[in-house]
Amino acid sequence: MFPIRDTVPNRKFPSTTWTLIILCGVVFLFETTLPQDLLEEFTYYFGIVPVEYTRRHRHGLPLLDYLSFLTTMFLHGGWLHFLGNMWFLRIFGSKVEDRMGHSRFLLFYLITGILASMFYIYFSPRSDTPVIGASGAIAGVMGAYYVLFPRARILTFIPIFIIPWLIEVPAVLFLGWWFLLQLFSGTVAQVLPSSGGGVAWWGHIGGFVAGVLLVSFFKKPSRRYYA
């Protein structure tokens, strides 16, 4: 299932969401200019390599090494990876930003992205493959959307053979199915590591759970009017 749009109107322009999209776009375009060997080095340095944090944790790491928890959110591994993430961020992020405000949403986005990376490291402590992408932070945004807009509906594209099928799906069903798919895929990847397909499933899971748990601390208080 692929989301096309939702039924929740924006009250304000989502400036933080679009700033994040533009920053990710600028960084990704820069990545496309790098030769393959330099791109791999760039990804290794600015992405998250779990084993670098688990095998040396007793001795500590320089502060700059932890910046990767932020920089990894702005890197992507290809056009599909980049466009897919930005599309999801545009749909779900704009509405969550509306309920949180610009600065709170930015802080929420960064915190859930960091927690998603930590969650992935916990489940893949020996991995020496760099993990990049905004997926963990966006999963956090989706978790927040799940809590904030349970009655929203998502216009969803469902490919059935060669016939495109568009249908409005309740947000709780769409996001619930998405989460269960991540959980299933992550569990299979733990049992059969070769089936992971290079996707940080547990980062997605961790981000979503973090979003669900933290959203109440970041949303604006509801306004009440009295006669």
C-alpha atoms as a PDB file:
ATOM      1  CA  MET A   1       0.000   0.000   0.000  1.00  0.00           C
ATOM      2  CA  PHE A   2       1.259   3.460  -0.922  1.00  0.00           C
ATOM      3  CA  PRO A   3      -0.264   6.689   0.469  1.00  0.00           C
ATOM      4  CA  ILE A   4      -1.364   9.385  -1.984  1.00  0.00           C
ATOM      5  CA  ARG A   5      -2.819  11.964   0.409  1.00  0.00           C
ATOM      6  CA  ASP A   6      -4.805  12.205   3.613  1.00  0.00           C
ATOM      7  CA  THR A   7      -8.026  13.962   4.573  1.00  0.00           C
ATOM      8  CA  VAL A   8      -6.583  16.249   7.269  1.00  0.00           C
ATOM      9  CA  PRO A   9      -6.297  19.905   6.170  1.00  0.00           C
ATOM     10  CA  ASN A  10      -3.278  22.005   7.089  1.00  0.00           C
ATOM     11  CA  ARG A  11      -3.962  25.090   9.184  1.00  0.00           C
ATOM     12  CA  LYS A  12      -0.470  26.538   8.693  1.00  0.00           C
ATOM     13  CA  PHE A  13       2.288  26.118   6.146  1.00  0.00           C
ATOM     14  CA  PRO A  14       4.555  23.236   7.318  1.00  0.00           C
ATOM     15  CA  SER A  15       7.823  25.163   7.051  1.00  0.00           C
ATOM     16  CA  THR A  16       9.858  22.733   9.159  1.00  0.00           C
ATOM     17  CA  THR A  17       8.720  19.740   7.121  1.00  0.00           C
ATOM     18  CA  TRP A  18       9.652  21.423   3.855  1.00  0.00           C
ATOM     19  CA  THR A  19      12.977  22.614   5.281  1.00  0.00           C
ATOM     20  CA  LEU A  20      13.836  19.011   6.182  1.00  0.00           C
ATOM     21  CA  ILE A  21      12.827  17.860   2.700  1.00  0.00           C
ATOM     22  CA  ILE A  22      14.978  20.543   1.047  1.00  0.00           C
ATOM     23  CA  LEU A  23      17.984  19.753   3.249  1.00  0.00           C
ATOM     24  CA  CYS A  24      17.685  16.047   2.476  1.00  0.00           C
ATOM     25  CA  GLY A  25      17.383  16.925  -1.222  1.00  0.00           C
ATOM     26  CA  VAL A  26      20.512  19.091  -1.197  1.00  0.00           C
ATOM     27  CA  VAL A  27      22.526  16.403   0.583  1.00  0.00           C
ATOM     28  CA  PHE A  28      21.237  13.686  -1.738  1.00  0.00           C
ATOM     29  CA  LEU A  29      22.119  15.692  -4.852  1.00  0.00           C
ATOM     30  CA  PHE A  30      25.582  16.144  -3.408  1.00  0.00           C
ATOM     31  CA  GLU A  31      25.815  12.364  -2.909  1.00  0.00           C
ATOM     32  CA  THR A  32      25.011  11.810  -6.585  1.00  0.00           C
ATOM     33  CA  THR A  33      28.081  13.867  -7.576  1.00  0.00           C
ATOM     34  CA  LEU A  34      30.496  11.660  -5.634  1.00  0.00           C
ATOM     35  CA  PRO A  35      32.404   8.790  -7.285  1.00  0.00           C
ATOM     36  CA  GLN A  36      31.518   5.369  -5.896  1.00  0.00           C
ATOM     37  CA  ASP A  37      34.606   4.917  -3.711  1.00  0.00           C
ATOM     38  CA  LEU A  38      34.266   8.379  -2.178  1.00  0.00           C
ATOM     39  CA  LEU A  39      30.504   7.875  -1.714  1.00  0.00           C
ATOM     40  CA  GLU A  40      31.124   4.678   0.263  1.00  0.00           C
ATOM     41  CA  GLU A  41      33.607   6.491   2.496  1.00  0.00           C
ATOM     42  CA  PHE A  42      31.186   9.402   2.913  1.00  0.00           C
ATOM     43  CA  THR A  43      28.374   7.028   3.874  1.00  0.00           C
ATOM     44  CA  TYR A  44      30.566   5.127   6.323  1.00  0.00           C
ATOM     45  CA  TYR A  45      31.668   8.325   8.041  1.00  0.00           C
ATOM     46  CA  PHE A  46      28.295  10.086   8.276  1.00  0.00           C
ATOM     47  CA  GLY A  47      26.053   7.021   8.593  1.00  0.00           C
ATOM     48  CA  ILE A  48      25.513   4.721  11.567  1.00  0.00           C
ATOM     49  CA  VAL A  49      27.781   1.659  11.770  1.00  0.00           C
ATOM     50  CA  PRO A  50      26.442  -0.355  14.735  1.00  0.00           C
ATOM     51  CA  VAL A  51      29.616  -2.293  15.488  1.00  0.00           C
ATOM     52  CA  GLU A  52      31.542   0.964  15.917  1.00  0.00           C
ATOM     53  CA  TYR A  53      29.349   1.788  18.904  1.00  0.00           C
ATOM     54  CA  THR A  54      29.121  -1.638  20.501  1.00  0.00           C
ATOM     55  CA  ARG A  55      32.703  -2.898  20.379  1.00  0.00           C
ATOM     56  CA  ARG A  56      34.192   0.300  21.799  1.00  0.00           C
ATOM     57  CA  HIS A  57      31.499   1.483  24.180  1.00  0.00           C
ATOM     58  CA  ARG A  58      33.523   0.649  27.289  1.00  0.00           C
ATOM     59  CA  HIS A  59      36.310   3.006  26.240  1.00  0.00           C
ATOM     60  CA  GLY A  60      33.979   5.723  25.016  1.00  0.00           C
ATOM     61  CA  LEU A  61      33.938   7.546  21.708  1.00  0.00           C
ATOM     62  CA  PRO A  62      34.863  11.113  20.786  1.00  0.00           C
ATOM     63  CA  LEU A  63      31.885  13.450  20.881  1.00  0.00           C
ATOM     64  CA  LEU A  64      32.101  14.089  17.135  1.00  0.00           C
ATOM     65  CA  ASP A  65      31.537  10.378  16.450  1.00  0.00           C
ATOM     66  CA  TYR A  66      28.026  10.700  17.877  1.00  0.00           C
ATOM     67  CA  LEU A  67      27.108  13.350  15.312  1.00  0.00           C
ATOM     68  CA  SER A  68      26.389  10.457  12.970  1.00  0.00           C
ATOM     69  CA  PHE A  69      23.114   9.968  14.846  1.00  0.00           C
ATOM     70  CA  LEU A  70      22.040  13.289  13.319  1.00  0.00           C
ATOM     71  CA  THR A  71      23.807  13.262   9.955  1.00  0.00           C
ATOM     72  CA  THR A  72      22.522   9.802   9.019  1.00  0.00           C
ATOM     73  CA  MET A  73      18.974  11.229   8.838  1.00  0.00           C
ATOM     74  CA  PHE A  74      19.928  13.375   5.853  1.00  0.00           C
ATOM     75  CA  LEU A  75      21.585  10.645   3.758  1.00  0.00           C
ATOM     76  CA  HIS A  76      19.866   8.288   1.325  1.00  0.00           C
ATOM     77  CA  GLY A  77      20.921   5.294  -0.703  1.00  0.00           C
ATOM     78  CA  GLY A  78      19.221   5.985  -4.031  1.00  0.00           C
ATOM     79  CA  TRP A  79      16.386   7.784  -5.781  1.00  0.00           C
ATOM     80  CA  LEU A  80      13.657   5.391  -4.614  1.00  0.00           C
ATOM     81  CA  HIS A  81      14.904   5.562  -1.039  1.00  0.00           C
ATOM     82  CA  PHE A  82      15.018   9.360  -1.123  1.00  0.00           C
ATOM     83  CA  LEU A  83      11.724   9.979  -2.947  1.00  0.00           C
ATOM     84  CA  GLY A  84       9.807   7.424  -0.876  1.00  0.00           C
ATOM     85  CA  ASN A  85      10.988   8.892   2.410  1.00  0.00           C
ATOM     86  CA  MET A  86      10.295  12.462   1.367  1.00  0.00           C
ATOM     87  CA  TRP A  87       6.815  11.575   0.139  1.00  0.00           C
ATOM     88  CA  PHE A  88       5.912   9.978   3.474  1.00  0.00           C
ATOM     89  CA  LEU A  89       7.423  12.935   5.344  1.00  0.00           C
ATOM     90  CA  ARG A  90       5.389  15.397   3.280  1.00  0.00           C
ATOM     91  CA  ILE A  91       2.096  13.603   3.936  1.00  0.00           C
ATOM     92  CA  PHE A  92       2.466  12.748   7.610  1.00  0.00           C
ATOM     93  CA  GLY A  93       4.985  15.336   8.771  1.00  0.00           C
ATOM     94  CA  SER A  94       2.995  18.368   7.654  1.00  0.00           C
ATOM     95  CA  LYS A  95      -0.012  17.356   9.775  1.00  0.00           C
ATOM     96  CA  VAL A  96       2.013  16.399  12.854  1.00  0.00           C
ATOM     97  CA  GLU A  97       3.879  19.709  12.612  1.00  0.00           C
ATOM     98  CA  ASP A  98       0.496  21.453  12.578  1.00  0.00           C
ATOM     99  CA  ARG A  99      -0.339  19.941  15.977  1.00  0.00           C
ATOM    100  CA  MET A 100       3.100  20.436  17.523  1.00  0.00           C
ATOM    101  CA  GLY A 101       4.346  23.705  16.109  1.00  0.00           C
ATOM    102  CA  HIS A 102       7.514  24.219  14.092  1.00  0.00           C
ATOM    103  CA  SER A 103      10.215  24.033  16.766  1.00  0.00           C
ATOM    104  CA  ARG A 104       8.598  21.238  18.776  1.00  0.00           C
ATOM    105  CA  PHE A 105       8.158  19.179  15.632  1.00  0.00           C
ATOM    106  CA  LEU A 106      11.832  19.592  14.695  1.00  0.00           C
ATOM    107  CA  LEU A 107      12.949  18.474  18.150  1.00  0.00           C
ATOM    108  CA  PHE A 108      10.520  15.548  18.064  1.00  0.00           C
ATOM    109  CA  TYR A 109      11.753  14.509  14.602  1.00  0.00           C
ATOM    110  CA  LEU A 110      15.413  14.523  15.645  1.00  0.00           C
ATOM    111  CA  ILE A 111      14.813  12.711  18.942  1.00  0.00           C
ATOM    112  CA  THR A 112      12.770   9.905  17.383  1.00  0.00           C
ATOM    113  CA  GLY A 113      15.377   9.561  14.632  1.00  0.00           C
ATOM    114  CA  ILE A 114      18.133   9.163  17.232  1.00  0.00           C
ATOM    115  CA  LEU A 115      16.087   6.648  19.222  1.00  0.00           C
ATOM    116  CA  ALA A 116      15.386   4.689  16.025  1.00  0.00           C
ATOM    117  CA  SER A 117      19.136   4.384  15.375  1.00  0.00           C
ATOM    118  CA  MET A 118      19.750   3.278  18.963  1.00  0.00           C
ATOM    119  CA  PHE A 119      16.993   0.682  18.634  1.00  0.00           C
ATOM    120  CA  TYR A 120      18.567  -0.664  15.451  1.00  0.00           C
ATOM    121  CA  ILE A 121      22.015  -0.856  17.062  1.00  0.00           C
ATOM    122  CA  TYR A 122      20.535  -2.859  19.923  1.00  0.00           C
ATOM    123  CA  PHE A 123      19.124  -5.478  17.532  1.00  0.00           C
ATOM    124  CA  SER A 124      22.106  -5.478  15.134  1.00  0.00           C
ATOM    125  CA  PRO A 125      25.137  -4.861  17.382  1.00  0.00           C
ATOM    126  CA  ARG A 126      27.629  -6.675  15.129  1.00  0.00           C
ATOM    127  CA  SER A 127      26.623  -5.122  11.835  1.00  0.00           C
ATOM    128  CA  ASP A 128      29.438  -3.312  10.028  1.00  0.00           C
ATOM    129  CA  THR A 129      27.170  -1.990   7.266  1.00  0.00           C
ATOM    130  CA  PRO A 130      26.388   1.748   7.419  1.00  0.00           C
ATOM    131  CA  VAL A 131      22.728   2.563   8.018  1.00  0.00           C
ATOM    132  CA  ILE A 132      21.486   5.776   6.427  1.00  0.00           C
ATOM    133  CA  GLY A 133      18.179   7.487   5.783  1.00  0.00           C
ATOM    134  CA  ALA A 134      15.404   9.460   7.424  1.00  0.00           C
ATOM    135  CA  SER A 135      13.197   6.372   7.737  1.00  0.00           C
ATOM    136  CA  GLY A 136      13.542   6.056  11.514  1.00  0.00           C
ATOM    137  CA  ALA A 137      12.594   9.679  12.150  1.00  0.00           C
ATOM    138  CA  ILE A 138       9.739   9.471   9.633  1.00  0.00           C
ATOM    139  CA  ALA A 139       8.520   6.308  11.360  1.00  0.00           C
ATOM    140  CA  GLY A 140       8.400   8.390  14.541  1.00  0.00           C
ATOM    141  CA  VAL A 141       6.281  10.970  12.721  1.00  0.00           C
ATOM    142  CA  MET A 142       3.968   8.195  11.540  1.00  0.00           C
ATOM    143  CA  GLY A 143       3.649   6.954  15.119  1.00  0.00           C
ATOM    144  CA  ALA A 144       2.662  10.465  16.189  1.00  0.00           C
ATOM    145  CA  TYR A 145       0.138  10.684  13.344  1.00  0.00           C
ATOM    146  CA  TYR A 146      -1.335   7.354  14.477  1.00  0.00           C
ATOM    147  CA  VAL A 147      -2.057   8.881  17.896  1.00  0.00           C
ATOM    148  CA  LEU A 148      -3.079  12.381  16.790  1.00  0.00           C
ATOM    149  CA  PHE A 149      -5.319  11.572  13.829  1.00  0.00           C
ATOM    150  CA  PRO A 150      -6.964   8.180  14.439  1.00  0.00           C
ATOM    151  CA  ARG A 151     -10.072   9.199  12.460  1.00  0.00           C
ATOM    152  CA  ALA A 152      -8.204  10.464   9.396  1.00  0.00           C
ATOM    153  CA  ARG A 153      -8.399   8.572   6.137  1.00  0.00           C
ATOM    154  CA  ILE A 154      -5.541   7.887   3.750  1.00  0.00           C
ATOM    155  CA  LEU A 155      -6.124   7.737   0.001  1.00  0.00           C
ATOM    156  CA  THR A 156      -4.085   4.646  -0.777  1.00  0.00           C
ATOM    157  CA  PHE A 157      -2.750   3.130  -3.971  1.00  0.00           C
ATOM    158  CA  ILE A 158      -2.971  -0.653  -3.975  1.00  0.00           C
ATOM    159  CA  PRO A 159      -1.505  -2.397  -7.042  1.00  0.00           C
ATOM    160  CA  ILE A 160      -3.602  -5.400  -8.052  1.00  0.00           C
ATOM    161  CA  PHE A 161      -1.956  -6.995 -11.049  1.00  0.00           C
ATOM    162  CA  ILE A 162      -2.012  -4.239 -13.685  1.00  0.00           C
ATOM    163  CA  ILE A 163      -5.122  -2.436 -12.389  1.00  0.00           C
ATOM    164  CA  PRO A 164      -4.405   0.559 -10.130  1.00  0.00           C
ATOM    165  CA  TRP A 165      -6.800   0.614  -7.195  1.00  0.00           C
ATOM    166  CA  LEU A 166      -7.320   3.784  -5.156  1.00  0.00           C
ATOM    167  CA  ILE A 167      -9.191   3.502  -1.897  1.00  0.00           C
ATOM    168  CA  GLU A 168      -9.554   5.583   1.265  1.00  0.00           C
ATOM    169  CA  VAL A 169      -8.209   3.612   4.210  1.00  0.00           C
ATOM    170  CA  PRO A 170      -8.605   4.631   7.883  1.00  0.00           C
ATOM    171  CA  ALA A 171      -5.304   5.987   9.180  1.00  0.00           C
ATOM    172  CA  VAL A 172      -5.242   3.524  12.081  1.00  0.00           C
ATOM    173  CA  LEU A 173      -5.589   0.640   9.627  1.00  0.00           C
ATOM    174  CA  PHE A 174      -2.983   1.960   7.184  1.00  0.00           C
ATOM    175  CA  LEU A 175      -0.401   2.756   9.866  1.00  0.00           C
ATOM    176  CA  GLY A 176      -1.229  -0.346  11.895  1.00  0.00           C
ATOM    177  CA  TRP A 177      -0.679  -2.543   8.844  1.00  0.00           C
ATOM    178  CA  TRP A 178       2.558  -0.698   8.064  1.00  0.00           C
ATOM    179  CA  PHE A 179       3.852  -1.289  11.595  1.00  0.00           C
ATOM    180  CA  LEU A 180       2.926  -4.981  11.567  1.00  0.00           C
ATOM    181  CA  LEU A 181       4.723  -5.365   8.236  1.00  0.00           C
ATOM    182  CA  GLN A 182       7.872  -3.825   9.735  1.00  0.00           C
ATOM    183  CA  LEU A 183       7.583  -6.066  12.788  1.00  0.00           C
ATOM    184  CA  PHE A 184       7.141  -9.183  10.674  1.00  0.00           C
ATOM    185  CA  SER A 185      10.012  -8.275   8.347  1.00  0.00           C
ATOM    186  CA  GLY A 186      12.282  -7.381  11.271  1.00  0.00           C
ATOM    187  CA  THR A 187      11.553 -10.674  13.011  1.00  0.00           C
ATOM    188  CA  VAL A 188      12.258 -12.657   9.846  1.00  0.00           C
ATOM    189  CA  ALA A 189      15.494 -10.704   9.331  1.00  0.00           C
ATOM    190  CA  GLN A 190      16.610 -11.619  12.861  1.00  0.00           C
ATOM    191  CA  VAL A 191      16.006 -15.320  12.195  1.00  0.00           C
ATOM    192  CA  LEU A 192      17.289 -15.240   8.606  1.00  0.00           C
ATOM    193  CA  PRO A 193      19.797 -12.364   8.355  1.00  0.00           C
ATOM    194  CA  SER A 194      20.206 -12.830   4.601  1.00  0.00           C
ATOM    195  CA  SER A 195      16.522 -11.982   4.100  1.00  0.00           C
ATOM    196  CA  GLY A 196      16.822  -8.451   5.520  1.00  0.00           C
ATOM    197  CA  GLY A 197      17.304  -6.885   2.114  1.00  0.00           C
ATOM    198  CA  GLY A 198      19.467  -4.112   3.536  1.00  0.00           C
ATOM    199  CA  VAL A 199      16.495  -2.469   5.276  1.00  0.00           C
ATOM    200  CA  ALA A 200      16.771  -1.319   8.909  1.00  0.00           C
ATOM    201  CA  TRP A 201      13.445  -2.825   9.948  1.00  0.00           C
ATOM    202  CA  TRP A 202      14.120  -2.473  13.666  1.00  0.00           C
ATOM    203  CA  GLY A 203      15.005   1.165  13.191  1.00  0.00           C
ATOM    204  CA  HIS A 204      11.546   1.684  11.688  1.00  0.00           C
ATOM    205  CA  ILE A 205       9.942  -0.200  14.569  1.00  0.00           C
ATOM    206  CA  GLY A 206      11.883   1.738  17.194  1.00  0.00           C
ATOM    207  CA  GLY A 207      11.068   5.069  15.565  1.00  0.00           C
ATOM    208  CA  PHE A 208       7.346   4.293  15.369  1.00  0.00           C
ATOM    209  CA  VAL A 209       7.161   3.169  19.004  1.00  0.00           C
ATOM    210  CA  ALA A 210       9.127   6.240  20.106  1.00  0.00           C
ATOM    211  CA  GLY A 211       6.696   8.450  18.186  1.00  0.00           C
ATOM    212  CA  VAL A 212       3.670   6.854  19.835  1.00  0.00           C
ATOM    213  CA  LEU A 213       5.174   7.209  23.314  1.00  0.00           C
ATOM    214  CA  LEU A 214       6.574  10.735  22.977  1.00  0.00           C
ATOM    215  CA  VAL A 215       3.877  12.532  21.000  1.00  0.00           C
ATOM    216  CA  SER A 216       1.948  13.601  24.103  1.00  0.00           C
ATOM    217  CA  PHE A 217       5.000  15.518  25.367  1.00  0.00           C
ATOM    218  CA  PHE A 218       5.342  17.532  22.156  1.00  0.00           C
ATOM    219  CA  LYS A 219       1.821  18.302  20.966  1.00  0.00           C
ATOM    220  CA  LYS A 220       0.372  21.689  21.773  1.00  0.00           C
ATOM    221  CA  PRO A 221      -2.186  21.813  24.600  1.00  0.00           C
ATOM    222  CA  SER A 222      -5.742  21.671  23.293  1.00  0.00           C
ATOM    223  CA  ARG A 223      -7.499  25.021  23.347  1.00  0.00           C
ATOM    224  CA  ARG A 224     -10.740  25.271  25.281  1.00  0.00           C
ATOM    225  CA  TYR A 225     -13.266  28.024  24.921  1.00  0.00           C
ATOM    226  CA  TYR A 226     -15.812  28.996  27.541  1.00  0.00           C
ATOM    227  CA  ALA A 227     -18.969  30.992  27.068  1.00  0.00           C
END
